[in-house]
Protein backbone atom coordinates (compact mmCIF):
# COMPACT_ATOMS: atom_id res chain seq x y z
CA MET A 1 0.02 0.43 0.09
CA ASN A 2 1.57 3.59 -1.00
CA ALA A 3 0.27 6.05 1.37
CA PHE A 4 2.35 8.73 -0.51
CA PRO A 5 1.06 8.72 -4.11
CA GLN A 6 2.62 10.15 -6.90
CA PHE A 7 2.70 13.86 -6.66
CA LYS A 8 4.75 16.88 -8.57
CA VAL A 9 5.76 20.15 -7.16
CA PRO A 10 5.59 22.54 -9.71
CA SER A 11 7.29 24.97 -7.86
CA PHE A 12 10.80 23.68 -8.55
CA ASP A 13 9.94 23.08 -12.23
CA GLN A 14 11.25 27.25 -12.38
CA PHE A 15 14.48 26.11 -10.42
CA LYS A 16 15.53 23.71 -13.12
CA VAL A 17 18.98 23.07 -12.04
CA PRO A 18 21.12 21.14 -15.28
CA GLY A 19 22.28 17.93 -13.83
CA PHE A 20 19.87 17.79 -10.89
CA ASP A 21 17.16 15.83 -10.67
CA PHE A 22 14.34 17.08 -8.15
CA SER A 23 11.90 14.62 -8.71
CA ALA A 24 14.75 11.83 -7.87
CA VAL A 25 15.37 13.39 -4.44
CA PHE A 26 11.77 13.38 -3.86
CA ASP A 27 11.27 9.52 -4.59
CA ILE A 28 14.16 9.03 -2.01
CA GLN A 29 12.40 11.27 0.47
CA ARG A 30 9.05 9.68 -0.53
CA ARG A 31 11.08 6.30 0.24
CA ASN A 32 12.56 7.33 3.36
CA VAL A 33 9.26 8.28 4.54
CA GLU A 34 7.59 4.90 3.75
CA ALA A 35 10.50 3.27 5.55
CA PHE A 36 9.97 5.31 8.40
CA THR A 37 6.03 4.38 8.27
CA ALA A 38 7.09 0.39 8.08
CA ALA A 39 9.34 1.18 10.93
CA SER A 40 6.91 2.92 12.94
CA GLN A 41 4.11 0.14 12.23
CA THR A 42 6.19 -2.51 13.04
CA PHE A 43 7.18 -0.94 16.46
CA ALA A 44 3.48 -0.43 17.08
CA GLN A 45 2.52 -3.91 16.52
CA GLY A 46 5.08 -5.19 18.57
CA MET A 47 3.98 -3.03 21.67
CA GLN A 48 0.42 -3.89 21.15
CA THR A 49 2.15 -7.36 21.41
CA VAL A 50 3.69 -6.22 24.51
CA VAL A 51 0.49 -4.57 25.70
CA GLN A 52 -1.62 -7.96 25.25
CA ARG A 53 0.93 -10.02 26.73
CA GLN A 54 1.37 -8.03 30.15
CA GLY A 55 -2.51 -7.79 30.60
CA GLU A 56 -2.04 -11.78 30.10
CA ILE A 57 0.41 -11.92 32.90
CA ALA A 58 -1.19 -9.28 35.16
CA ARG A 59 -4.48 -11.74 35.10
CA GLN A 60 -2.28 -14.95 35.62
CA SER A 61 -0.68 -13.08 38.44
CA ILE A 62 -3.71 -12.58 40.27
CA GLU A 63 -5.01 -16.09 39.92
CA GLN A 64 -1.48 -16.87 41.01
CA PHE A 65 -1.81 -14.74 44.36
CA GLN A 66 -5.32 -15.99 44.81
CA GLY A 67 -4.04 -19.34 44.70
CA LEU A 68 -1.45 -18.15 47.11
CA MET A 69 -3.73 -17.15 49.34
CA THR A 70 -5.42 -20.36 49.68
CA ASN A 71 -2.71 -22.78 49.45
CA ALA A 72 -0.52 -20.72 51.77
CA LYS A 73 -2.87 -20.97 54.82
CA PRO A 74 -1.17 -21.79 58.52
CA THR A 75 -1.27 -25.12 59.50
CA THR A 76 -0.49 -26.68 62.69
CA ALA A 77 2.90 -27.61 61.92
CA VAL A 78 4.76 -23.97 61.39
CA GLU A 79 7.75 -25.50 59.53
CA GLU A 80 5.40 -27.20 57.48
CA THR A 81 3.46 -23.58 56.85
CA LEU A 82 6.88 -21.99 56.22
CA VAL A 83 8.20 -24.53 53.75
CA LYS A 84 4.89 -24.44 51.71
CA GLN A 85 4.73 -20.80 51.66
CA THR A 86 8.44 -20.25 50.80
CA ASP A 87 7.68 -22.69 47.99
CA LEU A 88 4.89 -20.66 46.43
CA VAL A 89 6.90 -17.29 46.69
CA LYS A 90 9.93 -18.84 45.29
CA ALA A 91 7.55 -20.21 42.11
CA ALA A 92 5.85 -17.17 41.84
CA TYR A 93 8.62 -15.21 42.07
CA GLU A 94 10.58 -17.52 39.22
CA LYS A 95 7.34 -16.92 37.22
CA ASN A 96 7.68 -13.22 37.51
CA ILE A 97 11.21 -13.36 36.05
CA ALA A 98 10.50 -15.38 33.31
CA ASN A 99 7.60 -12.89 32.29
CA ALA A 100 9.81 -10.29 32.44
CA ARG A 101 12.16 -11.96 30.14
CA GLU A 102 9.72 -12.77 28.14
CA LEU A 103 8.89 -9.13 27.50
CA GLN A 104 12.22 -8.01 27.37
CA ASP A 105 12.66 -10.54 24.39
CA ILE A 106 9.39 -9.39 22.75
CA VAL A 107 10.69 -5.40 22.75
CA SER A 108 13.71 -6.19 21.87
CA LYS A 109 12.93 -8.09 18.46
CA VAL A 110 10.60 -5.27 17.90
CA THR A 111 13.07 -2.59 18.20
CA THR A 112 15.59 -4.60 16.54
CA GLU A 113 13.15 -5.14 13.59
CA ALA A 114 12.25 -1.71 13.35
CA SER A 115 15.45 -0.32 13.46
CA ASP A 116 16.56 -2.81 10.71
CA ILE A 117 14.23 -1.16 8.21
CA LEU A 118 15.53 1.82 8.86
CA SER A 119 19.06 0.94 8.92
CA ARG A 120 18.58 -0.76 5.35
CA ARG A 121 16.83 2.43 4.40
CA VAL A 122 19.59 4.84 5.44
CA VAL A 123 22.30 2.75 3.33
CA ALA A 124 20.12 2.63 0.33
CA SER A 125 19.02 6.56 0.64
CA LEU A 126 22.49 7.25 0.67
CA ASP A 127 23.28 5.16 -2.34
CA GLU A 128 20.38 6.74 -3.95
CA ILE A 129 21.42 10.22 -3.14
CA LYS A 130 25.23 9.30 -4.28
CA ALA A 131 23.34 8.20 -7.85
CA VAL A 132 21.65 11.18 -8.23
CA ALA A 133 24.63 13.13 -7.22
CA GLN A 134 27.01 11.32 -9.61
CA PRO A 135 25.22 12.59 -13.41
CA LYS A 136 26.00 16.20 -12.43
CA LYS A 137 29.65 15.32 -11.77
CA VAL A 138 29.60 13.67 -15.39
CA ALA A 139 27.99 16.48 -16.96
CA GLU A 140 30.08 19.10 -15.04
CA ARG A 141 33.44 16.93 -16.34
CA THR A 142 31.88 17.34 -19.71
CA VAL A 143 31.09 21.11 -19.95
CA LYS A 144 34.77 21.77 -18.62
CA ALA A 145 35.92 19.35 -21.20
CA ALA A 146 33.95 20.71 -23.88
């Protein structure tokens, strides 16, 4: 889907510069904006995944806490209660650490994907700018040689 249809900027026609292609520069910028849009969409979708997963984690944590309160009721043997409660807290802690790592992995993957889109575009854009600039230099050399 092209969010930026072809457009003409008639005001630049009056500033024609030999050997300089304004439409090529506009095309480069259009592709830059498209890449930025794609990176933004990738990032937004990834953050939406993070928010959804955080909601699931919150729901699971509430259920886990309710279970903890039910299963951690004191018994007549203090040692038994202490061991049981310690095991439940340890399991909850380990689950929370695993959830945090999962969220960290999702965020890391999303930011890597978005930055890769931008990085590829920057490299391509620089190559395109160089290509647009080169015909101008060739034309200048031709004029000087004549």
